[in-house]
Protein backbone atom coordinates (compact mmCIF):
# COMPACT_ATOMS: atom_id res chain seq x y z
CA MET A 1 96.62 101.68 86.24
CA TYR A 2 100.06 100.10 87.11
CA HIS A 3 101.12 96.57 86.59
CA LEU A 4 105.02 97.24 87.16
CA LYS A 5 107.04 94.22 87.47
CA GLY A 6 110.64 92.99 87.74
CA GLU A 7 114.17 92.71 89.16
CA TYR A 8 116.85 94.49 88.53
CA GLU A 9 120.08 94.77 89.39
CA CYS A 10 121.30 98.80 89.18
CA LYS A 11 124.18 100.68 90.10
CA ALA A 12 124.23 104.32 92.05
CA ASP A 13 126.71 106.46 91.39
CA ALA A 14 129.22 108.29 94.03
CA LYS A 15 126.64 111.41 93.92
CA GLY A 16 123.62 108.94 94.27
CA ARG A 17 122.28 108.61 90.75
CA LEU A 18 120.52 105.43 89.69
CA ARG A 19 119.65 105.04 86.45
CA LEU A 20 116.48 102.95 86.51
CA PRO A 21 116.03 100.26 83.66
CA SER A 22 115.26 100.68 80.62
CA SER A 23 112.57 98.53 80.35
CA LEU A 24 110.95 99.57 83.36
CA ILE A 25 110.93 103.04 82.18
CA LYS A 26 108.71 101.54 79.68
CA GLN A 27 106.37 100.46 81.81
CA LEU A 28 106.14 103.40 83.72
CA ASP A 29 106.16 105.65 80.61
CA GLU A 30 103.27 103.01 79.14
CA ALA A 31 101.65 104.43 81.92
CA GLY A 32 102.59 107.98 81.59
CA THR A 33 104.40 109.17 84.10
CA LEU A 34 108.17 109.52 84.84
CA ASN A 35 107.90 111.55 88.20
CA PHE A 36 108.25 109.92 91.72
CA THR A 37 108.08 110.71 95.39
CA ILE A 38 110.07 108.08 97.22
CA ASN A 39 110.30 107.68 100.91
CA ARG A 40 111.37 104.94 103.52
CA GLY A 41 110.14 101.54 103.16
CA PHE A 42 109.26 99.28 106.08
CA GLU A 43 111.96 96.58 105.80
CA GLN A 44 114.95 99.48 105.67
CA HIS A 45 114.65 100.38 102.00
CA LEU A 46 112.92 102.78 99.69
CA MET A 47 109.54 102.75 98.06
CA LEU A 48 109.82 104.66 94.97
CA TYR A 49 106.13 105.82 94.07
CA PRO A 50 104.93 106.99 90.32
CA SER A 51 103.19 110.64 91.28
CA ASP A 52 99.75 109.81 90.77
CA VAL A 53 100.36 106.44 93.12
CA TRP A 54 101.90 108.71 95.57
CA ASP A 55 98.74 110.90 95.68
CA LYS A 56 96.28 107.63 96.24
CA LYS A 57 98.80 106.77 99.59
CA THR A 58 98.94 110.13 100.97
CA LYS A 59 95.07 110.32 100.51
CA GLU A 60 94.79 107.28 102.64
CA ILE A 61 97.66 108.13 105.10
CA ASN A 62 95.88 111.70 105.78
CA LYS A 63 92.42 109.97 106.59
CA LEU A 64 94.53 109.19 109.97
CA ASN A 65 93.32 110.71 113.23
CA LEU A 66 96.01 113.22 114.58
CA TYR A 67 94.65 113.02 118.08
CA ASN A 68 95.50 108.87 117.95
CA SER A 69 99.55 108.64 119.01
CA LYS A 70 99.70 105.49 117.06
CA GLU A 71 98.02 107.07 113.69
CA ARG A 72 100.18 110.22 114.01
CA ALA A 73 103.48 108.41 114.47
CA VAL A 74 102.26 106.22 111.10
CA VAL A 75 101.66 109.30 109.23
CA ARG A 76 105.04 110.79 110.97
CA TYR A 77 106.57 107.69 109.65
CA PHE A 78 105.19 107.84 106.31
CA TYR A 79 106.30 111.10 104.90
CA ARG A 80 109.75 110.65 106.57
CA GLY A 81 112.29 111.45 104.00
CA ALA A 82 109.82 111.83 101.01
CA THR A 83 111.52 113.61 98.48
CA GLU A 84 109.57 114.42 94.75
CA LEU A 85 112.45 113.04 91.93
CA THR A 86 111.83 113.08 87.76
CA LEU A 87 113.82 111.12 85.72
CA ASP A 88 116.73 113.49 84.28
CA LYS A 89 117.72 112.64 80.16
CA ALA A 90 119.91 110.20 81.12
CA ASP A 91 117.12 108.43 83.29
CA ARG A 92 118.28 108.56 86.24
CA ILE A 93 116.76 109.95 89.51
CA LEU A 94 119.06 111.11 92.35
CA LEU A 95 118.71 109.26 95.73
CA PRO A 96 118.28 111.93 98.73
CA LYS A 97 121.19 111.17 100.84
CA SER A 98 119.41 110.37 104.14
CA LEU A 99 117.45 108.19 102.72
CA MET A 100 120.71 105.78 100.81
CA GLU A 101 121.89 106.08 104.41
CA TYR A 102 118.80 104.87 105.48
CA ALA A 103 118.53 102.09 103.22
CA GLY A 104 122.01 101.00 103.39
CA ILE A 105 122.31 102.09 99.55
CA ASP A 106 126.47 102.24 98.75
CA LYS A 107 126.79 101.26 95.09
CA GLU A 108 125.16 98.26 94.42
CA VAL A 109 121.19 97.85 94.41
CA VAL A 110 118.26 96.09 93.33
CA VAL A 111 114.86 97.35 92.02
CA PHE A 112 112.39 95.25 92.69
CA ALA A 113 108.79 96.61 91.04
CA TYR A 114 105.31 94.89 91.78
CA ASN A 115 101.99 96.13 91.14
CA GLU A 116 102.17 99.80 90.98
CA VAL A 117 105.09 100.08 93.48
CA ILE A 118 109.01 100.17 92.88
CA GLU A 119 111.60 99.21 95.82
CA VAL A 120 114.49 100.22 96.26
CA TRP A 121 117.44 98.16 97.90
CA SER A 122 120.76 97.38 98.50
CA LYS A 123 122.05 94.33 97.08
CA GLU A 124 123.42 93.13 100.33
CA LYS A 125 119.86 93.81 102.13
CA TYR A 126 117.38 92.44 99.38
CA GLU A 127 119.74 89.24 99.34
CA GLN A 128 119.21 89.03 103.39
CA MET A 129 115.58 89.51 102.90
CA LEU A 130 115.52 86.62 100.29
CA ASP A 131 117.77 84.10 102.10
CA GLN A 132 114.97 84.44 104.99
CA GLU A 133 111.91 82.74 102.95
CA PRO A 134 110.42 81.21 105.31
CA LYS A 135 110.58 77.60 104.64
CA GLU A 136 106.60 77.25 104.89
CA PHE A 137 105.92 79.82 102.52
CA GLY A 138 104.04 77.69 100.18
CA GLU A 139 102.00 76.84 103.30
CA ILE A 140 102.03 80.60 104.61
CA THR A 141 100.42 81.39 100.92
CA GLU A 142 97.99 78.58 101.28
CA ASN A 143 96.39 79.64 104.07
CA ILE A 144 96.59 83.39 103.16
CA PHE A 145 94.36 82.60 99.59
CA ASN A 146 92.52 79.84 101.71
CA SER A 147 91.50 82.88 103.74
CA ASN A 148 90.73 85.32 100.98
CA GLN A 149 88.54 82.66 99.48
CA SER A 150 86.35 82.07 102.13
CA GLU A 151 86.02 85.65 102.61
CA GLN A 152 85.03 86.34 99.25
CA SER A 153 82.58 83.55 99.25
CA GLN A 154 81.12 84.97 102.16
CA ASP A 155 80.49 88.55 101.16
CA GLY A 156 79.32 86.97 97.71
CA LEU A 157 76.49 85.25 100.36
CA SER A 158 75.30 88.58 102.18
């Protein structure tokens, strides 16, 4: 079980190598993995999954019905660009060029870890995403958590 956390500013070198922050590596190493799969994220960023998390996600994706066009599109999108990565001796991963282009990653990178995944953003796109935080974020959060609590209490009554 992962409890990853942290927001890190990093740099990719000219070859696309990205050194992961030592505090993030420590969190991953405690969980026993330094092997990953990277693919496209939902908002023009990259998702870096520890290998066992990737295996879990692919089991979910592989349950989709390939005879349904929408589900087939999700499967294709999910696997597009998926690449296995391993840390080198300098604690770097080599980002595939096609994924770097997709995410607009050049040099400045933000690595954002939460739960069991790691998002890899171009710094510029990450800051743009943060600038789009809704003014009513507190209200949205309240509605989501109140809704979830209502569902949980109804489940407890069943």
